[in-house]
């Protein structure tokens, strides 16, 4: 994705979300999104075996909070 595509994406997404962005802010968001995409590409390109992964597997919290065990955050106790 090039800079023009990124800017077009940011403008389309902001319109869809009804989030008003002036041109300066849209350019700033597009620049940051481009940086983030570049970092993601570099990380994805780095060869790493599954056993070398340093982080734990993602385990989401119970949802909705009504299903959370008693005594945990969000259940009102």
Foldseek 3Di string as FASTA:
>chain_A
DDLVVLLVVLVVVCVVVVNDDDPVRSSVVSVVVVVVVVVVVVVVPDDDDPVRDDDDDDDDADPPPCPHDPPDPPPPD
